[in-house]
Amino acid sequence: MATARRTARVELDERLVSRARAQARDDDDEIIEDALSRYLLERLLDNTQQRSNLGEEEATRLAVEELHAMRRERDAAA
């Protein structure tokens, strides 16, 4: 399934962006998408842990699996 894309203007701390660029081999938009995906998965993990009997290790494993699935889906759409 193709993901709809749109341009969004954001203001970011210049030092933070420079550090991300220095450590990544991706384009700026990929860095931001990855950061947003990680943030959303972290929130999902927090919410899931609050509502379930999963331990931190199992919940982390599930979150990592979802992150990998999201990346495969994104890469397939590219």
PDB file of N, CA and C in Angstrom:
ATOM      1  N   MET A   1       0.847  -1.170   0.000  1.00  0.00           N
ATOM      2  CA  MET A   1       0.000   0.000   0.000  1.00  0.00           C
ATOM      3  C   MET A   1       0.895   1.235   0.000  1.00  0.00           C
ATOM      4  N   ALA A   2       0.644   2.133  -0.928  1.00  0.00           N
ATOM      5  CA  ALA A   2       1.423   3.369  -1.018  1.00  0.00           C
ATOM      6  C   ALA A   2       0.997   4.334   0.083  1.00  0.00           C
ATOM      7  N   THR A   3       1.968   5.004   0.637  1.00  0.00           N
ATOM      8  CA  THR A   3       1.706   5.971   1.690  1.00  0.00           C
ATOM      9  C   THR A   3       1.576   7.353   1.071  1.00  0.00           C
ATOM     10  N   ALA A   4       0.521   8.060   1.430  1.00  0.00           N
ATOM     11  CA  ALA A   4       0.339   9.427   0.938  1.00  0.00           C
ATOM     12  C   ALA A   4       1.402  10.316   1.565  1.00  0.00           C
ATOM     13  N   ARG A   5       1.939  11.207   0.766  1.00  0.00           N
ATOM     14  CA  ARG A   5       2.978  12.105   1.262  1.00  0.00           C
ATOM     15  C   ARG A   5       2.547  13.538   1.017  1.00  0.00           C
ATOM     16  N   ARG A   6       2.963  14.401   1.926  1.00  0.00           N
ATOM     17  CA  ARG A   6       2.730  15.823   1.731  1.00  0.00           C
ATOM     18  C   ARG A   6       3.891  16.570   2.354  1.00  0.00           C
ATOM     19  N   THR A   7       4.090  17.775   1.884  1.00  0.00           N
ATOM     20  CA  THR A   7       5.171  18.602   2.395  1.00  0.00           C
ATOM     21  C   THR A   7       4.706  19.285   3.673  1.00  0.00           C
ATOM     22  N   ALA A   8       5.572  19.258   4.675  1.00  0.00           N
ATOM     23  CA  ALA A   8       5.278  19.930   5.938  1.00  0.00           C
ATOM     24  C   ALA A   8       6.506  20.757   6.316  1.00  0.00           C
ATOM     25  N   ARG A   9       6.276  21.951   6.774  1.00  0.00           N
ATOM     26  CA  ARG A   9       7.373  22.819   7.197  1.00  0.00           C
ATOM     27  C   ARG A   9       7.481  22.742   8.711  1.00  0.00           C
ATOM     28  N   VAL A  10       8.677  22.451   9.187  1.00  0.00           N
ATOM     29  CA  VAL A  10       8.915  22.385  10.629  1.00  0.00           C
ATOM     30  C   VAL A  10      10.185  23.159  10.958  1.00  0.00           C
ATOM     31  N   GLU A  11      10.236  23.684  12.151  1.00  0.00           N
ATOM     32  CA  GLU A  11      11.434  24.359  12.632  1.00  0.00           C
ATOM     33  C   GLU A  11      12.074  23.466  13.680  1.00  0.00           C
ATOM     34  N   LEU A  12      13.362  23.178  13.464  1.00  0.00           N
ATOM     35  CA  LEU A  12      14.094  22.284  14.352  1.00  0.00           C
ATOM     36  C   LEU A  12      15.363  22.962  14.842  1.00  0.00           C
ATOM     37  N   ASP A  13      15.837  22.517  15.980  1.00  0.00           N
ATOM     38  CA  ASP A  13      17.086  23.014  16.531  1.00  0.00           C
ATOM     39  C   ASP A  13      18.220  22.681  15.557  1.00  0.00           C
ATOM     40  N   GLU A  14      18.950  23.697  15.130  1.00  0.00           N
ATOM     41  CA  GLU A  14      20.005  23.527  14.125  1.00  0.00           C
ATOM     42  C   GLU A  14      21.077  22.539  14.573  1.00  0.00           C
ATOM     43  N   ARG A  15      21.448  22.589  15.851  1.00  0.00           N
ATOM     44  CA  ARG A  15      22.476  21.666  16.357  1.00  0.00           C
ATOM     45  C   ARG A  15      21.988  20.230  16.325  1.00  0.00           C
ATOM     46  N   LEU A  16      20.723  20.033  16.655  1.00  0.00           N
ATOM     47  CA  LEU A  16      20.145  18.691  16.628  1.00  0.00           C
ATOM     48  C   LEU A  16      20.134  18.139  15.207  1.00  0.00           C
ATOM     49  N   VAL A  17      19.744  18.965  14.260  1.00  0.00           N
ATOM     50  CA  VAL A  17      19.719  18.548  12.851  1.00  0.00           C
ATOM     51  C   VAL A  17      21.134  18.223  12.380  1.00  0.00           C
ATOM     52  N   SER A  18      22.099  19.038  12.734  1.00  0.00           N
ATOM     53  CA  SER A  18      23.489  18.797  12.328  1.00  0.00           C
ATOM     54  C   SER A  18      24.001  17.480  12.886  1.00  0.00           C
ATOM     55  N   ARG A  19      23.689  17.201  14.136  1.00  0.00           N
ATOM     56  CA  ARG A  19      24.113  15.933  14.744  1.00  0.00           C
ATOM     57  C   ARG A  19      23.461  14.753  14.053  1.00  0.00           C
ATOM     58  N   ALA A  20      22.172  14.873  13.734  1.00  0.00           N
ATOM     59  CA  ALA A  20      21.471  13.785  13.047  1.00  0.00           C
ATOM     60  C   ALA A  20      22.067  13.555  11.666  1.00  0.00           C
ATOM     61  N   ARG A  21      22.354  14.619  10.956  1.00  0.00           N
ATOM     62  CA  ARG A  21      22.956  14.496   9.615  1.00  0.00           C
ATOM     63  C   ARG A  21      24.325  13.831   9.694  1.00  0.00           C
ATOM     64  N   ALA A  22      25.103  14.181  10.705  1.00  0.00           N
ATOM     65  CA  ALA A  22      26.450  13.629  10.840  1.00  0.00           C
ATOM     66  C   ALA A  22      26.416  12.131  11.128  1.00  0.00           C
ATOM     67  N   GLN A  23      25.383  11.663  11.810  1.00  0.00           N
ATOM     68  CA  GLN A  23      25.308  10.263  12.207  1.00  0.00           C
ATOM     69  C   GLN A  23      24.536   9.395  11.226  1.00  0.00           C
ATOM     70  N   ALA A  24      23.771   9.999  10.338  1.00  0.00           N
ATOM     71  CA  ALA A  24      22.899   9.232   9.446  1.00  0.00           C
ATOM     72  C   ALA A  24      23.393   9.312   8.009  1.00  0.00           C
ATOM     73  N   ARG A  25      23.015   8.299   7.267  1.00  0.00           N
ATOM     74  CA  ARG A  25      23.325   8.296   5.836  1.00  0.00           C
ATOM     75  C   ARG A  25      22.069   8.569   5.019  1.00  0.00           C
ATOM     76  N   ASP A  26      20.986   8.888   5.685  1.00  0.00           N
ATOM     77  CA  ASP A  26      19.698   9.087   5.032  1.00  0.00           C
ATOM     78  C   ASP A  26      19.473  10.558   4.699  1.00  0.00           C
ATOM     79  N   ASP A  27      18.488  10.797   3.849  1.00  0.00           N
ATOM     80  CA  ASP A  27      18.056  12.158   3.547  1.00  0.00           C
ATOM     81  C   ASP A  27      17.355  12.735   4.772  1.00  0.00           C
ATOM     82  N   ASP A  28      17.250  14.071   4.813  1.00  0.00           N
ATOM     83  CA  ASP A  28      16.595  14.732   5.947  1.00  0.00           C
ATOM     84  C   ASP A  28      15.187  14.212   6.169  1.00  0.00           C
ATOM     85  N   ASP A  29      14.414  14.033   5.096  1.00  0.00           N
ATOM     86  CA  ASP A  29      13.037  13.575   5.274  1.00  0.00           C
ATOM     87  C   ASP A  29      12.991  12.172   5.863  1.00  0.00           C
ATOM     88  N   GLU A  30      13.945  11.317   5.497  1.00  0.00           N
ATOM     89  CA  GLU A  30      13.984   9.970   6.060  1.00  0.00           C
ATOM     90  C   GLU A  30      14.371   9.998   7.535  1.00  0.00           C
ATOM     91  N   ILE A  31      15.275  10.904   7.895  1.00  0.00           N
ATOM     92  CA  ILE A  31      15.669  11.046   9.298  1.00  0.00           C
ATOM     93  C   ILE A  31      14.462  11.460  10.132  1.00  0.00           C
ATOM     94  N   ILE A  32      13.707  12.437   9.646  1.00  0.00           N
ATOM     95  CA  ILE A  32      12.538  12.929  10.380  1.00  0.00           C
ATOM     96  C   ILE A  32      11.460  11.858  10.448  1.00  0.00           C
ATOM     97  N   GLU A  33      11.199  11.160   9.335  1.00  0.00           N
ATOM     98  CA  GLU A  33      10.199  10.092   9.344  1.00  0.00           C
ATOM     99  C   GLU A  33      10.584   9.000  10.333  1.00  0.00           C
ATOM    100  N   ASP A  34      11.861   8.637  10.347  1.00  0.00           N
ATOM    101  CA  ASP A  34      12.321   7.610  11.276  1.00  0.00           C
ATOM    102  C   ASP A  34      12.142   8.068  12.720  1.00  0.00           C
ATOM    103  N   ALA A  35      12.491   9.326  12.994  1.00  0.00           N
ATOM    104  CA  ALA A  35      12.334   9.855  14.354  1.00  0.00           C
ATOM    105  C   ALA A  35      10.869   9.866  14.777  1.00  0.00           C
ATOM    106  N   LEU A  36       9.982  10.282  13.873  1.00  0.00           N
ATOM    107  CA  LEU A  36       8.551  10.289  14.195  1.00  0.00           C
ATOM    108  C   LEU A  36       8.028   8.875  14.400  1.00  0.00           C
ATOM    109  N   SER A  37       8.478   7.950  13.572  1.00  0.00           N
ATOM    110  CA  SER A  37       8.054   6.557  13.724  1.00  0.00           C
ATOM    111  C   SER A  37       8.499   6.000  15.066  1.00  0.00           C
ATOM    112  N   ARG A  38       9.744   6.276  15.430  1.00  0.00           N
ATOM    113  CA  ARG A  38      10.246   5.806  16.726  1.00  0.00           C
ATOM    114  C   ARG A  38       9.444   6.423  17.878  1.00  0.00           C
ATOM    115  N   TYR A  39       9.157   7.706  17.765  1.00  0.00           N
ATOM    116  CA  TYR A  39       8.380   8.381  18.802  1.00  0.00           C
ATOM    117  C   TYR A  39       7.004   7.736  18.947  1.00  0.00           C
ATOM    118  N   LEU A  40       6.331   7.527  17.809  1.00  0.00           N
ATOM    119  CA  LEU A  40       4.996   6.933  17.856  1.00  0.00           C
ATOM    120  C   LEU A  40       5.037   5.506  18.389  1.00  0.00           C
ATOM    121  N   LEU A  41       6.051   4.749  18.012  1.00  0.00           N
ATOM    122  CA  LEU A  41       6.178   3.390  18.537  1.00  0.00           C
ATOM    123  C   LEU A  41       6.463   3.397  20.035  1.00  0.00           C
ATOM    124  N   GLU A  42       7.240   4.363  20.475  1.00  0.00           N
ATOM    125  CA  GLU A  42       7.516   4.486  21.906  1.00  0.00           C
ATOM    126  C   GLU A  42       6.226   4.765  22.683  1.00  0.00           C
ATOM    127  N   ARG A  43       5.394   5.673  22.148  1.00  0.00           N
ATOM    128  CA  ARG A  43       4.108   5.963  22.790  1.00  0.00           C
ATOM    129  C   ARG A  43       3.217   4.722  22.775  1.00  0.00           C
ATOM    130  N   LEU A  44       3.205   4.004  21.646  1.00  0.00           N
ATOM    131  CA  LEU A  44       2.428   2.777  21.546  1.00  0.00           C
ATOM    132  C   LEU A  44       2.909   1.763  22.574  1.00  0.00           C
ATOM    133  N   LEU A  45       4.208   1.647  22.705  1.00  0.00           N
ATOM    134  CA  LEU A  45       4.785   0.738  23.689  1.00  0.00           C
ATOM    135  C   LEU A  45       4.357   1.129  25.097  1.00  0.00           C
ATOM    136  N   ASP A  46       4.435   2.407  25.418  1.00  0.00           N
ATOM    137  CA  ASP A  46       4.010   2.878  26.737  1.00  0.00           C
ATOM    138  C   ASP A  46       2.545   2.546  26.994  1.00  0.00           C
ATOM    139  N   ASN A  47       1.688   2.831  26.012  1.00  0.00           N
ATOM    140  CA  ASN A  47       0.256   2.558  26.170  1.00  0.00           C
ATOM    141  C   ASN A  47      -0.020   1.072  26.293  1.00  0.00           C
ATOM    142  N   THR A  48       0.679   0.280  25.501  1.00  0.00           N
ATOM    143  CA  THR A  48       0.490  -1.169  25.536  1.00  0.00           C
ATOM    144  C   THR A  48       0.914  -1.728  26.884  1.00  0.00           C
ATOM    145  N   GLN A  49       2.029  -1.262  27.398  1.00  0.00           N
ATOM    146  CA  GLN A  49       2.503  -1.745  28.691  1.00  0.00           C
ATOM    147  C   GLN A  49       1.525  -1.393  29.805  1.00  0.00           C
ATOM    148  N   GLN A  50       0.899  -0.247  29.711  1.00  0.00           N
ATOM    149  CA  GLN A  50      -0.054   0.159  30.738  1.00  0.00           C
ATOM    150  C   GLN A  50      -1.302  -0.715  30.720  1.00  0.00           C
ATOM    151  N   ARG A  51      -1.669  -1.232  29.524  1.00  0.00           N
ATOM    152  CA  ARG A  51      -2.912  -1.985  29.390  1.00  0.00           C
ATOM    153  C   ARG A  51      -2.728  -3.492  29.368  1.00  0.00           C
ATOM    154  N   SER A  52      -1.511  -3.968  29.392  1.00  0.00           N
ATOM    155  CA  SER A  52      -1.322  -5.409  29.246  1.00  0.00           C
ATOM    156  C   SER A  52      -0.446  -5.965  30.353  1.00  0.00           C
ATOM    157  N   ASN A  53      -0.335  -7.263  30.308  1.00  0.00           N
ATOM    158  CA  ASN A  53       0.511  -7.952  31.271  1.00  0.00           C
ATOM    159  C   ASN A  53       1.896  -8.236  30.698  1.00  0.00           C
ATOM    160  N   LEU A  54       2.209  -7.645  29.542  1.00  0.00           N
ATOM    161  CA  LEU A  54       3.515  -7.868  28.939  1.00  0.00           C
ATOM    162  C   LEU A  54       4.601  -7.218  29.784  1.00  0.00           C
ATOM    163  N   GLY A  55       5.705  -7.907  29.871  1.00  0.00           N
ATOM    164  CA  GLY A  55       6.862  -7.318  30.515  1.00  0.00           C
ATOM    165  C   GLY A  55       7.554  -6.372  29.552  1.00  0.00           C
ATOM    166  N   GLU A  56       8.498  -5.626  30.063  1.00  0.00           N
ATOM    167  CA  GLU A  56       9.195  -4.645  29.229  1.00  0.00           C
ATOM    168  C   GLU A  56       9.917  -5.313  28.064  1.00  0.00           C
ATOM    169  N   GLU A  57      10.545  -6.449  28.315  1.00  0.00           N
ATOM    170  CA  GLU A  57      11.296  -7.142  27.257  1.00  0.00           C
ATOM    171  C   GLU A  57      10.382  -7.593  26.121  1.00  0.00           C
ATOM    172  N   GLU A  58       9.257  -8.192  26.450  1.00  0.00           N
ATOM    173  CA  GLU A  58       8.309  -8.659  25.431  1.00  0.00           C
ATOM    174  C   GLU A  58       7.686  -7.479  24.682  1.00  0.00           C
ATOM    175  N   ALA A  59       7.336  -6.438  25.387  1.00  0.00           N
ATOM    176  CA  ALA A  59       6.759  -5.259  24.743  1.00  0.00           C
ATOM    177  C   ALA A  59       7.778  -4.607  23.806  1.00  0.00           C
ATOM    178  N   THR A  60       9.029  -4.561  24.216  1.00  0.00           N
ATOM    179  CA  THR A  60      10.077  -4.007  23.361  1.00  0.00           C
ATOM    180  C   THR A  60      10.248  -4.853  22.112  1.00  0.00           C
ATOM    181  N   ARG A  61      10.220  -6.162  22.261  1.00  0.00           N
ATOM    182  CA  ARG A  61      10.333  -7.057  21.112  1.00  0.00           C
ATOM    183  C   ARG A  61       9.215  -6.797  20.114  1.00  0.00           C
ATOM    184  N   LEU A  62       7.992  -6.655  20.607  1.00  0.00           N
ATOM    185  CA  LEU A  62       6.859  -6.369  19.729  1.00  0.00           C
ATOM    186  C   LEU A  62       7.019  -5.017  19.031  1.00  0.00           C
ATOM    187  N   ALA A  63       7.482  -4.025  19.759  1.00  0.00           N
ATOM    188  CA  ALA A  63       7.672  -2.698  19.167  1.00  0.00           C
ATOM    189  C   ALA A  63       8.733  -2.735  18.070  1.00  0.00           C
ATOM    190  N   VAL A  64       9.803  -3.471  18.300  1.00  0.00           N
ATOM    191  CA  VAL A  64      10.863  -3.586  17.293  1.00  0.00           C
ATOM    192  C   VAL A  64      10.339  -4.308  16.059  1.00  0.00           C
ATOM    193  N   GLU A  65       9.551  -5.355  16.255  1.00  0.00           N
ATOM    194  CA  GLU A  65       8.945  -6.059  15.122  1.00  0.00           C
ATOM    195  C   GLU A  65       8.068  -5.113  14.305  1.00  0.00           C
ATOM    196  N   GLU A  66       7.292  -4.287  14.978  1.00  0.00           N
ATOM    197  CA  GLU A  66       6.431  -3.332  14.278  1.00  0.00           C
ATOM    198  C   GLU A  66       7.254  -2.284  13.534  1.00  0.00           C
ATOM    199  N   LEU A  67       8.332  -1.833  14.134  1.00  0.00           N
ATOM    200  CA  LEU A  67       9.204  -0.865  13.473  1.00  0.00           C
ATOM    201  C   LEU A  67       9.789  -1.466  12.199  1.00  0.00           C
ATOM    202  N   HIS A  68      10.241  -2.704  12.280  1.00  0.00           N
ATOM    203  CA  HIS A  68      10.793  -3.369  11.096  1.00  0.00           C
ATOM    204  C   HIS A  68       9.720  -3.545  10.031  1.00  0.00           C
ATOM    205  N   ALA A  69       8.515  -3.916  10.424  1.00  0.00           N
ATOM    206  CA  ALA A  69       7.420  -4.070   9.460  1.00  0.00           C
ATOM    207  C   ALA A  69       7.102  -2.738   8.790  1.00  0.00           C
ATOM    208  N   MET A  70       7.092  -1.656   9.565  1.00  0.00           N
ATOM    209  CA  MET A  70       6.820  -0.335   9.010  1.00  0.00           C
ATOM    210  C   MET A  70       7.896   0.050   8.000  1.00  0.00           C
ATOM    211  N   ARG A  71       9.145  -0.239   8.317  1.00  0.00           N
ATOM    212  CA  ARG A  71      10.239   0.094   7.401  1.00  0.00           C
ATOM    213  C   ARG A  71      10.154  -0.727   6.116  1.00  0.00           C
ATOM    214  N   ARG A  72       9.823  -2.024   6.233  1.00  0.00           N
ATOM    215  CA  ARG A  72       9.673  -2.851   5.033  1.00  0.00           C
ATOM    216  C   ARG A  72       8.559  -2.300   4.159  1.00  0.00           C
ATOM    217  N   GLU A  73       7.455  -1.914   4.781  1.00  0.00           N
ATOM    218  CA  GLU A  73       6.322  -1.355   4.039  1.00  0.00           C
ATOM    219  C   GLU A  73       6.714  -0.045   3.356  1.00  0.00           C
ATOM    220  N   ARG A  74       7.426   0.812   4.083  1.00  0.00           N
ATOM    221  CA  ARG A  74       7.873   2.088   3.521  1.00  0.00           C
ATOM    222  C   ARG A  74       8.828   1.864   2.357  1.00  0.00           C
ATOM    223  N   ASP A  75       9.773   0.951   2.528  1.00  0.00           N
ATOM    224  CA  ASP A  75      10.753   0.690   1.477  1.00  0.00           C
ATOM    225  C   ASP A  75      10.110   0.066   0.247  1.00  0.00           C
ATOM    226  N   ALA A  76       9.110  -0.782   0.449  1.00  0.00           N
ATOM    227  CA  ALA A  76       8.412  -1.402  -0.678  1.00  0.00           C
ATOM    228  C   ALA A  76       7.624  -0.363  -1.467  1.00  0.00           C
ATOM    229  N   ALA A  77       7.141   0.669  -0.783  1.00  0.00           N
ATOM    230  CA  ALA A  77       6.351   1.713  -1.444  1.00  0.00           C
ATOM    231  C   ALA A  77       7.242   2.704  -2.193  1.00  0.00           C
ATOM    232  N   ALA A  78       8.515   2.743  -1.838  1.00  0.00           N
ATOM    233  CA  ALA A  78       9.442   3.722  -2.454  1.00  0.00           C
ATOM    234  C   ALA A  78       9.830   3.335  -3.863  1.00  0.00           C
TER     235      ALA A  78
END
